[in-house]
Every structure is written in C-alpha cells, then in structure tokens.
C-alpha cells in the first residue's frame, strides 16, 4: 500500500511537470502571436486573445486535481498511525519473517521450492566473471547458487568467508553413535555375504554341485 502511494506520487509529480511545461508553451505561442499583431500582421490568432483561456482551462483543472492529491498526502502523513493498523503491520512483518524461516528450513531439508530454483539461476555480471580465474568462478557460483551449508558446499562457503556456524557441518554424539552402529552392521552384512558367496564360486569353478540349505 505504501509502495503504491509512493509510485502514484512520483507519477503525479511527472504529470505536473508535463502540464506546467505545456502551459509555458502556450504562453510562448500567445506571446509570439501578440508580437506579430503588434507589428500589424493580419492573421487569425489561435493561442492569444479569447482563445488563451480556453487552452489553459483544462490544464489548470488537471493541476488543481494534482495539487489536491498532494494535499491529501500531506494530511495523511500528519495523522498518527491508527493502533489497529500498526498492530496489523507488525503482525505482517512477523509473519513474513516466519514464512522465510520455514522456507529456509524446507530448503535445508532438501525440498526444491520456487525460491530454490530462482537461487540456482543466480549469477554474476559478465565483467565480474571475466576478472576471476576458472576455479574462483566455480567456487563463487557454487556458493551463490547453493542453499546448503554442509559438506563440500559448506567448505566452499567457509573458504569464501561466509558466516556459517561451526556446528552446521558436525554431527552430535548420539547421531554419530547411531551412524557408527549402522556402519558396523553394514560391514558385517557385507562380510557375511562375501563369505557365503565364496564357496559357491569355488564349487562352480570345479564343476561340482553345491547343496544350499
């Protein structure tokens, strides 16, 4: 709402300047016709004499409407903000921050949102890219287009000076123990699978049948 009012005010200012310039042009034309008439030229005037008021009337009316808009802006700015509107604005600002926080959390979980796609298309101006080496250009683009802060992306961002919390790329004790147990179980499963497949492969090479129980 505030942005729209500012845009409307700029448009009124531009329109006021245009109309003022048109009035000045009419005055110059009327002055020119008056000087010709004073020298005895015989012609039918279009801008001077009785026609001057007819030309200026619609322009003066537009200027009066524009000035009334400026007066309303001044009166609106002088009035105090209503408490209910102020509360609504503060709530909207808090909701915006909450929405951005939820959006960031969804991106960190791996969801691809419209904001993620927009960020993946970000880049740098051509004259800036031309000053960088290929390795620097690659690192800059990775940091600019990636939303993550862990792993390789985290290392790149830290090297470029991004403020990433030191624990963003770490795993807490409980999670690390769980990962270690899963890794050990996977290793035992792979060893047992390899030990079971070895006799079958040797029997196949000898041409003997192996009874599988």
N, C-alpha and C. Protein backbone atom coordinates (compact mmCIF):
# COMPACT_ATOMS: atom_id res chain seq x y z
N UNK A 1 0.83 -1.20 0.00
CA UNK A 1 0.00 0.00 0.00
C UNK A 1 0.87 1.26 0.00
N UNK A 2 1.87 1.28 0.89
CA UNK A 2 2.76 2.44 0.96
C UNK A 2 3.56 2.58 -0.33
N UNK A 3 4.00 1.46 -0.87
CA UNK A 3 4.76 1.49 -2.12
C UNK A 3 3.90 2.04 -3.26
N UNK A 4 2.65 1.62 -3.32
CA UNK A 4 1.77 2.11 -4.38
C UNK A 4 1.54 3.60 -4.26
N UNK A 5 1.42 4.09 -3.05
CA UNK A 5 1.23 5.54 -2.87
C UNK A 5 2.46 6.31 -3.28
N UNK A 6 3.64 5.77 -3.00
CA UNK A 6 4.86 6.45 -3.43
C UNK A 6 4.97 6.48 -4.95
N UNK A 7 4.62 5.38 -5.59
CA UNK A 7 4.65 5.34 -7.05
C UNK A 7 3.65 6.33 -7.63
N UNK A 8 2.44 6.39 -7.04
CA UNK A 8 1.43 7.33 -7.52
C UNK A 8 1.90 8.77 -7.34
N UNK A 9 2.60 9.06 -6.25
CA UNK A 9 3.10 10.42 -6.03
C UNK A 9 4.14 10.79 -7.08
N UNK A 10 5.03 9.86 -7.40
CA UNK A 10 6.03 10.15 -8.44
C UNK A 10 5.35 10.40 -9.78
N UNK A 11 4.31 9.62 -10.07
CA UNK A 11 3.60 9.84 -11.33
C UNK A 11 2.91 11.20 -11.35
N UNK A 12 2.35 11.62 -10.22
CA UNK A 12 1.71 12.94 -10.17
C UNK A 12 2.73 14.05 -10.38
N UNK A 13 3.93 13.87 -9.80
CA UNK A 13 4.97 14.88 -9.98
C UNK A 13 5.36 14.99 -11.45
N UNK A 14 5.54 13.84 -12.10
CA UNK A 14 5.90 13.86 -13.53
C UNK A 14 4.78 14.49 -14.36
N UNK A 15 3.54 14.17 -14.05
CA UNK A 15 2.42 14.75 -14.79
C UNK A 15 2.33 16.26 -14.55
N UNK A 16 2.59 16.68 -13.31
CA UNK A 16 2.56 18.12 -13.01
C UNK A 16 3.63 18.86 -13.81
N UNK A 17 4.81 18.29 -13.91
CA UNK A 17 5.86 18.93 -14.69
C UNK A 17 5.48 19.00 -16.17
N UNK A 18 4.88 17.95 -16.69
CA UNK A 18 4.48 17.95 -18.09
C UNK A 18 3.43 19.02 -18.36
N UNK A 19 2.43 19.11 -17.51
CA UNK A 19 1.37 20.11 -17.72
C UNK A 19 1.92 21.52 -17.57
N UNK A 20 2.80 21.72 -16.60
CA UNK A 20 3.41 23.05 -16.43
C UNK A 20 4.20 23.44 -17.67
N UNK A 21 4.91 22.47 -18.26
CA UNK A 21 5.65 22.75 -19.49
C UNK A 21 4.70 23.08 -20.64
N UNK A 22 3.57 22.41 -20.71
CA UNK A 22 2.59 22.71 -21.76
C UNK A 22 2.01 24.12 -21.59
N UNK A 23 1.76 24.53 -20.36
CA UNK A 23 1.25 25.89 -20.12
C UNK A 23 2.30 26.92 -20.54
N UNK A 24 3.55 26.64 -20.24
CA UNK A 24 4.60 27.56 -20.67
C UNK A 24 4.69 27.64 -22.20
N UNK A 25 4.49 26.52 -22.88
CA UNK A 25 4.49 26.54 -24.34
C UNK A 25 3.32 27.39 -24.87
N UNK A 26 2.16 27.26 -24.24
CA UNK A 26 1.01 28.07 -24.66
C UNK A 26 1.28 29.56 -24.46
N UNK A 27 1.92 29.89 -23.34
CA UNK A 27 2.25 31.29 -23.09
C UNK A 27 3.23 31.82 -24.14
N UNK A 28 4.19 30.98 -24.53
CA UNK A 28 5.15 31.41 -25.55
C UNK A 28 4.45 31.61 -26.90
N UNK A 29 3.52 30.71 -27.25
CA UNK A 29 2.79 30.87 -28.51
C UNK A 29 1.91 32.13 -28.48
N UNK A 30 1.25 32.37 -27.34
CA UNK A 30 0.41 33.56 -27.24
C UNK A 30 1.25 34.84 -27.32
N UNK A 31 2.43 34.82 -26.70
CA UNK A 31 3.32 35.99 -26.76
C UNK A 31 3.80 36.22 -28.19
N UNK A 32 4.08 35.15 -28.90
CA UNK A 32 4.53 35.28 -30.28
C UNK A 32 3.43 35.88 -31.16
N UNK A 33 2.19 35.39 -31.00
CA UNK A 33 1.07 35.95 -31.77
C UNK A 33 0.83 37.42 -31.40
N UNK A 34 0.98 37.75 -30.13
CA UNK A 34 0.80 39.15 -29.73
C UNK A 34 1.84 40.05 -30.36
N UNK A 35 3.09 39.57 -30.44
CA UNK A 35 4.13 40.39 -31.07
C UNK A 35 3.87 40.57 -32.56
N UNK A 36 3.34 39.53 -33.23
CA UNK A 36 3.00 39.67 -34.64
C UNK A 36 1.86 40.65 -34.84
N UNK A 37 0.86 40.56 -33.96
CA UNK A 37 -0.26 41.50 -34.08
C UNK A 37 0.18 42.93 -33.83
N UNK A 38 1.15 43.12 -32.92
CA UNK A 38 1.63 44.47 -32.64
C UNK A 38 2.37 45.06 -33.84
N UNK A 39 2.95 44.20 -34.67
CA UNK A 39 3.66 44.67 -35.87
C UNK A 39 2.75 44.86 -37.06
N UNK A 40 1.44 44.60 -36.87
CA UNK A 40 0.48 44.84 -37.95
C UNK A 40 0.22 43.65 -38.84
N UNK A 41 0.63 42.45 -38.43
CA UNK A 41 0.37 41.25 -39.24
C UNK A 41 -1.11 40.93 -39.20
N UNK A 42 -1.63 40.50 -40.36
CA UNK A 42 -3.05 40.18 -40.48
C UNK A 42 -3.20 38.65 -40.49
N UNK A 43 -3.65 38.10 -39.39
CA UNK A 43 -3.84 36.64 -39.29
C UNK A 43 -4.85 36.37 -38.20
N UNK A 44 -5.35 35.15 -38.20
CA UNK A 44 -6.31 34.74 -37.17
C UNK A 44 -5.55 34.03 -36.06
N UNK A 45 -5.56 34.61 -34.88
CA UNK A 45 -4.84 34.03 -33.77
C UNK A 45 -5.50 32.76 -33.24
N UNK A 46 -4.67 31.87 -32.73
CA UNK A 46 -5.16 30.60 -32.17
C UNK A 46 -4.88 30.47 -30.67
N UNK A 47 -3.85 31.15 -30.18
CA UNK A 47 -3.44 30.98 -28.78
C UNK A 47 -3.61 32.26 -27.96
N UNK A 48 -3.64 33.42 -28.61
CA UNK A 48 -3.75 34.68 -27.89
C UNK A 48 -5.19 35.16 -27.90
N UNK A 49 -5.44 36.18 -27.15
CA UNK A 49 -6.77 36.77 -27.11
C UNK A 49 -7.78 35.88 -26.40
N UNK A 50 -8.98 35.74 -26.98
CA UNK A 50 -10.03 34.96 -26.30
C UNK A 50 -9.73 33.46 -26.23
N UNK A 51 -8.81 32.99 -27.08
CA UNK A 51 -8.51 31.55 -27.09
C UNK A 51 -7.59 31.12 -25.94
N UNK A 52 -6.91 32.09 -25.32
CA UNK A 52 -5.93 31.75 -24.29
C UNK A 52 -6.61 31.04 -23.11
N UNK A 53 -7.74 31.53 -22.65
CA UNK A 53 -8.42 30.92 -21.51
C UNK A 53 -8.95 29.53 -21.85
N UNK A 54 -9.39 29.34 -23.09
CA UNK A 54 -9.90 28.02 -23.49
C UNK A 54 -8.79 26.97 -23.51
N UNK A 55 -7.59 27.38 -23.89
CA UNK A 55 -6.47 26.45 -23.88
C UNK A 55 -6.03 26.12 -22.46
N UNK A 56 -6.03 27.12 -21.59
CA UNK A 56 -5.47 26.94 -20.26
C UNK A 56 -6.45 26.29 -19.28
N UNK A 57 -7.75 26.36 -19.55
CA UNK A 57 -8.74 25.87 -18.57
C UNK A 57 -8.57 24.39 -18.24
N UNK A 58 -8.51 23.48 -19.23
CA UNK A 58 -8.36 22.05 -18.87
C UNK A 58 -7.03 21.75 -18.19
N UNK A 59 -5.97 22.46 -18.58
CA UNK A 59 -4.68 22.23 -17.94
C UNK A 59 -4.69 22.71 -16.49
N UNK A 60 -5.31 23.86 -16.25
CA UNK A 60 -5.42 24.35 -14.88
C UNK A 60 -6.25 23.39 -14.03
N UNK A 61 -7.29 22.80 -14.62
CA UNK A 61 -8.10 21.84 -13.88
C UNK A 61 -7.28 20.61 -13.47
N UNK A 62 -6.45 20.12 -14.38
CA UNK A 62 -5.58 18.96 -14.06
C UNK A 62 -4.58 19.32 -12.96
N UNK A 63 -4.02 20.53 -13.02
CA UNK A 63 -3.10 20.94 -11.98
C UNK A 63 -3.79 21.04 -10.62
N UNK A 64 -5.04 21.49 -10.61
CA UNK A 64 -5.78 21.57 -9.35
C UNK A 64 -6.01 20.17 -8.77
N UNK A 65 -6.32 19.17 -9.61
CA UNK A 65 -6.52 17.80 -9.14
C UNK A 65 -5.22 17.22 -8.58
N UNK A 66 -4.11 17.51 -9.26
CA UNK A 66 -2.82 17.01 -8.78
C UNK A 66 -2.46 17.65 -7.44
N UNK A 67 -2.71 18.94 -7.30
CA UNK A 67 -2.41 19.61 -6.05
C UNK A 67 -3.30 19.08 -4.92
N UNK A 68 -4.55 18.76 -5.23
CA UNK A 68 -5.42 18.17 -4.21
C UNK A 68 -4.87 16.82 -3.75
N UNK A 69 -4.29 16.04 -4.67
CA UNK A 69 -3.66 14.79 -4.27
C UNK A 69 -2.47 15.00 -3.35
N UNK A 70 -1.66 16.03 -3.64
CA UNK A 70 -0.54 16.36 -2.75
C UNK A 70 -1.03 16.78 -1.37
N UNK A 71 -2.12 17.55 -1.34
CA UNK A 71 -2.67 17.97 -0.05
C UNK A 71 -3.15 16.77 0.76
N UNK A 72 -3.77 15.81 0.10
CA UNK A 72 -4.21 14.61 0.81
C UNK A 72 -3.01 13.83 1.35
N UNK A 73 -1.93 13.76 0.57
CA UNK A 73 -0.72 13.08 1.07
C UNK A 73 -0.17 13.77 2.31
N UNK A 74 -0.15 15.10 2.31
CA UNK A 74 0.36 15.84 3.45
C UNK A 74 -0.51 15.62 4.69
N UNK A 75 -1.84 15.66 4.48
CA UNK A 75 -2.73 15.43 5.62
C UNK A 75 -2.61 14.01 6.14
N UNK A 76 -2.44 13.04 5.26
CA UNK A 76 -2.31 11.65 5.67
C UNK A 76 -1.01 11.44 6.45
N UNK A 77 0.05 12.12 6.01
CA UNK A 77 1.33 11.97 6.71
C UNK A 77 1.30 12.62 8.09
N UNK A 78 0.48 13.65 8.25
CA UNK A 78 0.41 14.34 9.54
C UNK A 78 -0.44 13.58 10.55
N UNK A 79 -1.33 12.72 10.09
CA UNK A 79 -2.17 11.97 11.01
C UNK A 79 -1.37 10.85 11.68
N UNK A 80 -1.61 10.57 12.94
CA UNK A 80 -0.94 9.44 13.59
C UNK A 80 -1.46 8.11 13.06
N UNK A 81 -0.60 7.11 13.10
CA UNK A 81 -1.00 5.78 12.60
C UNK A 81 -2.01 5.15 13.56
N UNK A 82 -3.14 4.66 13.04
CA UNK A 82 -4.12 4.02 13.93
C UNK A 82 -3.51 2.80 14.61
N UNK A 83 -3.86 2.57 15.87
CA UNK A 83 -3.27 1.41 16.58
C UNK A 83 -3.58 0.07 15.92
N UNK A 84 -4.79 -0.10 15.39
CA UNK A 84 -5.11 -1.38 14.76
C UNK A 84 -4.29 -1.60 13.49
N UNK A 85 -4.07 -0.52 12.72
CA UNK A 85 -3.23 -0.65 11.53
C UNK A 85 -1.79 -0.93 11.91
N UNK A 86 -1.29 -0.29 12.96
CA UNK A 86 0.08 -0.55 13.40
C UNK A 86 0.25 -1.99 13.86
N UNK A 87 -0.74 -2.51 14.58
CA UNK A 87 -0.68 -3.91 15.01
C UNK A 87 -0.72 -4.85 13.82
N UNK A 88 -1.52 -4.50 12.82
CA UNK A 88 -1.60 -5.34 11.61
C UNK A 88 -0.27 -5.35 10.86
N UNK A 89 0.39 -4.19 10.78
CA UNK A 89 1.68 -4.11 10.09
C UNK A 89 2.74 -4.93 10.83
N UNK A 90 2.75 -4.85 12.16
CA UNK A 90 3.73 -5.62 12.93
C UNK A 90 3.48 -7.12 12.78
N UNK A 91 2.20 -7.51 12.79
CA UNK A 91 1.88 -8.93 12.60
C UNK A 91 2.31 -9.42 11.23
N UNK A 92 2.10 -8.58 10.21
CA UNK A 92 2.51 -8.96 8.85
C UNK A 92 4.02 -9.11 8.75
N UNK A 93 4.74 -8.23 9.44
CA UNK A 93 6.21 -8.34 9.41
C UNK A 93 6.68 -9.61 10.12
N UNK A 94 6.07 -9.93 11.26
CA UNK A 94 6.44 -11.17 11.96
C UNK A 94 6.11 -12.39 11.11
N UNK A 95 4.98 -12.36 10.43
CA UNK A 95 4.60 -13.50 9.59
C UNK A 95 5.54 -13.64 8.41
N UNK A 96 6.01 -12.52 7.89
CA UNK A 96 6.97 -12.60 6.78
C UNK A 96 8.26 -13.27 7.23
N UNK A 97 8.74 -12.88 8.42
CA UNK A 97 9.97 -13.50 8.94
C UNK A 97 9.75 -14.99 9.19
N UNK A 98 8.57 -15.34 9.73
CA UNK A 98 8.28 -16.75 10.00
C UNK A 98 8.19 -17.54 8.70
N UNK A 99 7.59 -16.95 7.66
CA UNK A 99 7.49 -17.65 6.37
C UNK A 99 8.88 -17.88 5.78
N UNK A 100 9.75 -16.86 5.85
CA UNK A 100 11.09 -17.02 5.32
C UNK A 100 11.87 -18.07 6.11
N UNK A 101 11.64 -18.12 7.43
CA UNK A 101 12.32 -19.13 8.25
C UNK A 101 11.87 -20.53 7.87
N UNK A 102 10.54 -20.71 7.70
CA UNK A 102 10.04 -22.03 7.29
C UNK A 102 10.54 -22.39 5.89
N UNK A 103 10.59 -21.42 5.01
CA UNK A 103 11.10 -21.67 3.67
C UNK A 103 12.55 -22.13 3.72
N UNK A 104 13.34 -21.47 4.58
CA UNK A 104 14.75 -21.84 4.70
C UNK A 104 14.89 -23.25 5.27
N UNK A 105 14.09 -23.59 6.25
CA UNK A 105 14.14 -24.93 6.83
C UNK A 105 13.76 -25.99 5.80
N UNK A 106 12.74 -25.72 4.99
CA UNK A 106 12.36 -26.69 3.96
C UNK A 106 13.46 -26.86 2.92
N UNK A 107 14.13 -25.77 2.58
CA UNK A 107 15.24 -25.87 1.64
C UNK A 107 16.39 -26.68 2.22
N UNK A 108 16.67 -26.50 3.52
CA UNK A 108 17.75 -27.24 4.14
C UNK A 108 17.43 -28.72 4.25
N UNK A 109 16.12 -29.07 4.27
CA UNK A 109 15.74 -30.49 4.28
C UNK A 109 15.81 -31.12 2.89
N UNK A 110 16.05 -30.32 1.87
CA UNK A 110 16.20 -30.85 0.53
C UNK A 110 15.04 -30.60 -0.40
N UNK A 111 14.02 -29.88 0.06
CA UNK A 111 12.88 -29.59 -0.81
C UNK A 111 13.27 -28.53 -1.83
N UNK A 112 12.80 -28.72 -3.06
CA UNK A 112 13.08 -27.77 -4.13
C UNK A 112 11.87 -26.85 -4.28
N UNK A 113 12.01 -25.61 -3.87
CA UNK A 113 10.95 -24.62 -3.92
C UNK A 113 11.21 -23.65 -5.07
N UNK A 114 10.25 -22.76 -5.27
CA UNK A 114 10.44 -21.75 -6.30
C UNK A 114 11.63 -20.85 -5.96
N UNK A 115 11.81 -20.55 -4.67
CA UNK A 115 12.96 -19.76 -4.26
C UNK A 115 14.27 -20.50 -4.53
N UNK A 116 14.24 -21.83 -4.37
CA UNK A 116 15.45 -22.63 -4.66
C UNK A 116 15.80 -22.56 -6.13
N UNK A 117 14.77 -22.65 -6.99
CA UNK A 117 15.03 -22.57 -8.43
C UNK A 117 15.52 -21.20 -8.83
N UNK A 118 14.97 -20.16 -8.21
CA UNK A 118 15.45 -18.81 -8.53
C UNK A 118 16.91 -18.65 -8.11
N UNK A 119 17.26 -19.18 -6.94
CA UNK A 119 18.64 -19.06 -6.48
C UNK A 119 19.59 -19.86 -7.35
N UNK A 120 19.13 -20.99 -7.87
CA UNK A 120 20.01 -21.82 -8.71
C UNK A 120 20.33 -21.15 -10.04
N UNK A 121 19.53 -20.13 -10.41
CA UNK A 121 19.80 -19.42 -11.67
C UNK A 121 20.57 -18.12 -11.47
N UNK A 122 20.95 -17.83 -10.22
CA UNK A 122 21.69 -16.60 -9.96
C UNK A 122 23.09 -16.68 -10.54
N UNK A 123 23.63 -15.53 -10.84
CA UNK A 123 24.98 -15.47 -11.38
C UNK A 123 25.62 -14.13 -11.06
N UNK A 124 26.64 -13.78 -11.83
CA UNK A 124 27.35 -12.53 -11.64
C UNK A 124 27.43 -11.81 -12.98
N UNK A 125 27.62 -10.50 -12.99
CA UNK A 125 27.79 -9.78 -14.26
C UNK A 125 28.98 -10.31 -15.04
N UNK A 126 28.90 -10.17 -16.35
CA UNK A 126 29.95 -10.73 -17.22
C UNK A 126 31.31 -10.09 -16.94
N UNK A 127 31.34 -8.78 -16.70
CA UNK A 127 32.63 -8.12 -16.48
C UNK A 127 33.26 -8.55 -15.15
N UNK A 128 32.42 -9.01 -14.19
CA UNK A 128 32.95 -9.51 -12.94
C UNK A 128 33.51 -10.92 -13.14
N UNK A 129 32.76 -11.76 -13.86
CA UNK A 129 33.24 -13.12 -14.12
C UNK A 129 34.55 -13.12 -14.90
N UNK A 130 34.73 -12.13 -15.77
CA UNK A 130 35.94 -12.10 -16.60
C UNK A 130 37.19 -11.84 -15.77
N UNK A 131 37.05 -11.25 -14.59
CA UNK A 131 38.23 -10.95 -13.76
C UNK A 131 38.65 -12.14 -12.92
N UNK A 132 37.80 -13.15 -12.80
CA UNK A 132 38.11 -14.28 -11.93
C UNK A 132 38.73 -15.44 -12.70
N UNK A 133 39.56 -16.20 -12.00
CA UNK A 133 40.08 -17.45 -12.56
C UNK A 133 38.97 -18.49 -12.62
N UNK A 134 39.13 -19.53 -13.43
CA UNK A 134 38.07 -20.57 -13.51
C UNK A 134 37.75 -21.19 -12.16
N UNK A 135 38.76 -21.44 -11.33
CA UNK A 135 38.49 -22.05 -10.02
C UNK A 135 37.72 -21.10 -9.11
N UNK A 136 38.10 -19.83 -9.12
CA UNK A 136 37.39 -18.84 -8.30
C UNK A 136 35.96 -18.67 -8.81
N UNK A 137 35.80 -18.65 -10.12
CA UNK A 137 34.46 -18.51 -10.70
C UNK A 137 33.57 -19.69 -10.31
N UNK A 138 34.14 -20.89 -10.35
CA UNK A 138 33.37 -22.08 -9.97
C UNK A 138 32.95 -22.02 -8.51
N UNK A 139 33.88 -21.64 -7.62
CA UNK A 139 33.57 -21.56 -6.20
C UNK A 139 32.52 -20.49 -5.92
N UNK A 140 32.63 -19.34 -6.57
CA UNK A 140 31.67 -18.26 -6.36
C UNK A 140 30.27 -18.68 -6.80
N UNK A 141 30.17 -19.33 -7.94
CA UNK A 141 28.85 -19.75 -8.44
C UNK A 141 28.25 -20.83 -7.56
N UNK A 142 29.09 -21.75 -7.06
CA UNK A 142 28.57 -22.80 -6.17
C UNK A 142 28.01 -22.18 -4.90
N UNK A 143 28.74 -21.24 -4.32
CA UNK A 143 28.28 -20.60 -3.08
C UNK A 143 27.02 -19.77 -3.31
N UNK A 144 26.92 -19.13 -4.45
CA UNK A 144 25.77 -18.26 -4.72
C UNK A 144 24.52 -19.05 -5.04
N UNK A 145 24.68 -20.19 -5.70
CA UNK A 145 23.52 -20.93 -6.19
C UNK A 145 23.08 -22.06 -5.26
N UNK A 146 23.85 -22.36 -4.22
CA UNK A 146 23.53 -23.48 -3.33
C UNK A 146 22.98 -22.94 -2.02
N UNK A 147 21.99 -23.66 -1.48
CA UNK A 147 21.38 -23.27 -0.21
C UNK A 147 21.98 -24.03 0.96
N UNK A 148 22.72 -25.09 0.71
CA UNK A 148 23.28 -25.89 1.79
C UNK A 148 24.45 -25.21 2.48
N UNK A 149 24.76 -25.71 3.67
CA UNK A 149 25.88 -25.19 4.45
C UNK A 149 26.74 -26.31 5.01
N UNK A 150 26.60 -27.53 4.48
CA UNK A 150 27.36 -28.67 4.97
C UNK A 150 28.11 -29.30 3.81
N UNK A 151 29.04 -30.20 4.14
CA UNK A 151 29.77 -30.93 3.12
C UNK A 151 30.66 -30.02 2.28
N UNK A 152 30.71 -30.35 0.98
CA UNK A 152 31.56 -29.60 0.06
C UNK A 152 31.11 -28.15 -0.06
N UNK A 153 29.77 -27.93 -0.12
CA UNK A 153 29.26 -26.56 -0.22
C UNK A 153 29.65 -25.75 1.01
N UNK A 154 29.57 -26.37 2.19
CA UNK A 154 29.99 -25.67 3.40
C UNK A 154 31.45 -25.31 3.39
N UNK A 155 32.31 -26.22 2.89
CA UNK A 155 33.73 -25.91 2.81
C UNK A 155 33.99 -24.74 1.86
N UNK A 156 33.29 -24.74 0.72
CA UNK A 156 33.47 -23.65 -0.24
C UNK A 156 33.04 -22.33 0.36
N UNK A 157 31.89 -22.33 1.04
CA UNK A 157 31.39 -21.08 1.61
C UNK A 157 32.30 -20.57 2.72
N UNK A 158 32.82 -21.48 3.54
CA UNK A 158 33.75 -21.05 4.59
C UNK A 158 35.02 -20.47 3.99
N UNK A 159 35.52 -21.08 2.91
CA UNK A 159 36.73 -20.57 2.27
C UNK A 159 36.50 -19.18 1.69
N UNK A 160 35.27 -18.89 1.27
CA UNK A 160 34.96 -17.58 0.71
C UNK A 160 34.58 -16.56 1.76
N UNK A 161 34.54 -16.97 3.02
CA UNK A 161 34.25 -16.03 4.09
C UNK A 161 32.81 -15.98 4.54
N UNK A 162 31.98 -16.93 4.13
CA UNK A 162 30.59 -16.96 4.58
C UNK A 162 30.55 -17.26 6.08
N UNK A 163 29.62 -16.63 6.76
CA UNK A 163 29.47 -16.85 8.20
C UNK A 163 28.57 -18.06 8.44
N UNK A 164 29.20 -19.22 8.55
CA UNK A 164 28.48 -20.47 8.79
C UNK A 164 28.82 -20.94 10.20
N UNK A 165 27.82 -21.30 11.00
CA UNK A 165 28.11 -21.78 12.35
C UNK A 165 29.05 -22.98 12.32
N UNK A 166 29.97 -23.08 13.27
CA UNK A 166 30.94 -24.19 13.24
C UNK A 166 30.29 -25.55 13.39
N UNK A 167 29.12 -25.62 14.03
CA UNK A 167 28.46 -26.91 14.23
C UNK A 167 27.48 -27.25 13.13
N UNK A 168 27.43 -26.45 12.06
CA UNK A 168 26.48 -26.72 10.99
C UNK A 168 26.87 -27.97 10.20
N UNK A 169 28.18 -28.27 10.21
CA UNK A 169 28.66 -29.42 9.44
C UNK A 169 29.08 -30.57 10.34
N UNK A 170 28.66 -30.52 11.61
CA UNK A 170 29.03 -31.56 12.54
C UNK A 170 27.82 -32.39 12.95
N UNK A 171 28.09 -33.54 13.54
CA UNK A 171 27.05 -34.45 13.99
C UNK A 171 27.19 -34.59 15.50
N UNK A 172 26.07 -34.55 16.21
CA UNK A 172 26.16 -34.66 17.66
C UNK A 172 26.52 -36.09 18.07
N UNK A 173 26.75 -36.29 19.38
CA UNK A 173 27.24 -37.57 19.86
C UNK A 173 26.29 -38.72 19.61
N UNK A 174 25.00 -38.53 19.91
CA UNK A 174 24.03 -39.61 19.72
C UNK A 174 23.90 -39.98 18.25
N UNK A 175 23.83 -38.97 17.39
CA UNK A 175 23.70 -39.27 15.97
C UNK A 175 24.95 -39.97 15.45
N UNK A 176 26.12 -39.58 15.95
CA UNK A 176 27.35 -40.23 15.49
C UNK A 176 27.40 -41.69 15.94
N UNK A 177 26.97 -41.99 17.18
CA UNK A 177 26.94 -43.37 17.64
C UNK A 177 25.98 -44.21 16.79
N UNK A 178 24.83 -43.62 16.44
CA UNK A 178 23.88 -44.35 15.60
C UNK A 178 24.47 -44.62 14.23
N UNK A 179 25.15 -43.64 13.67
CA UNK A 179 25.77 -43.84 12.36
C UNK A 179 26.88 -44.89 12.43
N UNK A 180 27.64 -44.88 13.51
CA UNK A 180 28.70 -45.88 13.67
C UNK A 180 28.12 -47.29 13.76
N UNK A 181 27.02 -47.44 14.52
CA UNK A 181 26.39 -48.78 14.63
C UNK A 181 25.86 -49.24 13.27
N UNK A 182 25.22 -48.34 12.54
CA UNK A 182 24.72 -48.73 11.22
C UNK A 182 25.86 -49.09 10.28
N UNK A 183 26.96 -48.35 10.37
CA UNK A 183 28.10 -48.65 9.52
C UNK A 183 28.69 -50.02 9.86
N UNK A 184 28.78 -50.33 11.15
CA UNK A 184 29.32 -51.63 11.56
C UNK A 184 28.40 -52.77 11.13
N UNK A 185 27.08 -52.58 11.27
CA UNK A 185 26.14 -53.61 10.83
C UNK A 185 26.24 -53.83 9.33
N UNK A 186 26.40 -52.76 8.57
CA UNK A 186 26.52 -52.89 7.12
C UNK A 186 27.81 -53.62 6.75
N UNK A 187 28.89 -53.33 7.47
CA UNK A 187 30.15 -54.02 7.19
C UNK A 187 30.04 -55.51 7.50
N UNK A 188 29.41 -55.89 8.63
CA UNK A 188 29.25 -57.31 8.96
C UNK A 188 28.38 -58.01 7.93
N UNK A 189 27.32 -57.31 7.49
CA UNK A 189 26.45 -57.92 6.48
C UNK A 189 27.20 -58.16 5.19
N UNK A 190 28.03 -57.22 4.79
CA UNK A 190 28.80 -57.39 3.55
C UNK A 190 29.82 -58.52 3.69
N UNK A 191 30.49 -58.64 4.89
CA UNK A 191 31.46 -59.72 5.07
C UNK A 191 30.78 -61.07 5.03
N UNK A 192 29.62 -61.21 5.72
CA UNK A 192 28.93 -62.49 5.71
C UNK A 192 28.44 -62.85 4.32
N UNK A 193 28.04 -61.85 3.56
CA UNK A 193 27.58 -62.13 2.19
C UNK A 193 28.74 -62.59 1.33
N UNK A 194 29.89 -61.95 1.49
CA UNK A 194 31.06 -62.36 0.72
C UNK A 194 31.53 -63.76 1.13
N UNK A 195 31.49 -64.08 2.45
CA UNK A 195 31.92 -65.40 2.91
C UNK A 195 30.98 -66.49 2.40
N UNK A 196 29.69 -66.18 2.26
CA UNK A 196 28.76 -67.18 1.75
C UNK A 196 28.86 -67.40 0.27
N UNK A 197 29.27 -66.35 -0.46
CA UNK A 197 29.37 -66.48 -1.92
C UNK A 197 30.67 -67.14 -2.34
N UNK A 198 31.70 -67.10 -1.50
CA UNK A 198 33.00 -67.67 -1.90
C UNK A 198 32.95 -69.16 -2.16
N UNK A 199 32.34 -70.02 -1.27
CA UNK A 199 32.31 -71.47 -1.57
C UNK A 199 31.54 -71.78 -2.84
N UNK A 200 30.48 -71.04 -3.11
CA UNK A 200 29.71 -71.30 -4.33
C UNK A 200 30.53 -71.00 -5.55
N UNK A 201 31.33 -69.93 -5.52
CA UNK A 201 32.15 -69.61 -6.68
C UNK A 201 33.23 -70.66 -6.89
N UNK A 202 33.86 -71.18 -5.79
CA UNK A 202 34.90 -72.20 -5.95
C UNK A 202 34.30 -73.50 -6.48
N UNK A 203 33.10 -73.86 -6.00
CA UNK A 203 32.47 -75.09 -6.49
C UNK A 203 32.10 -74.96 -7.96
N UNK A 204 31.69 -73.80 -8.37
CA UNK A 204 31.35 -73.60 -9.77
C UNK A 204 32.57 -73.73 -10.65
N UNK A 205 33.72 -73.26 -10.16
CA UNK A 205 34.95 -73.40 -10.94
C UNK A 205 35.36 -74.86 -11.07
N UNK A 206 35.11 -75.71 -10.00
CA UNK A 206 35.46 -77.13 -10.03
C UNK A 206 34.42 -77.97 -10.77
N UNK A 207 33.29 -77.42 -11.06
CA UNK A 207 32.25 -78.15 -11.73
C UNK A 207 31.40 -79.00 -10.81
N UNK A 208 31.47 -78.79 -9.48
CA UNK A 208 30.70 -79.55 -8.54
C UNK A 208 29.44 -78.80 -8.18
N UNK A 209 28.40 -79.59 -7.81
CA UNK A 209 27.15 -79.02 -7.33
C UNK A 209 27.25 -78.76 -5.85
N UNK A 210 26.74 -77.61 -5.43
CA UNK A 210 26.76 -77.24 -4.02
C UNK A 210 25.34 -77.22 -3.54
N UNK A 211 25.12 -77.95 -2.47
CA UNK A 211 23.76 -78.01 -1.87
C UNK A 211 23.58 -76.81 -0.95
N UNK A 212 22.57 -76.03 -1.24
CA UNK A 212 22.30 -74.82 -0.46
C UNK A 212 21.19 -75.13 0.49
N UNK A 213 21.46 -74.99 1.77
CA UNK A 213 20.44 -75.25 2.79
C UNK A 213 19.82 -73.95 3.26
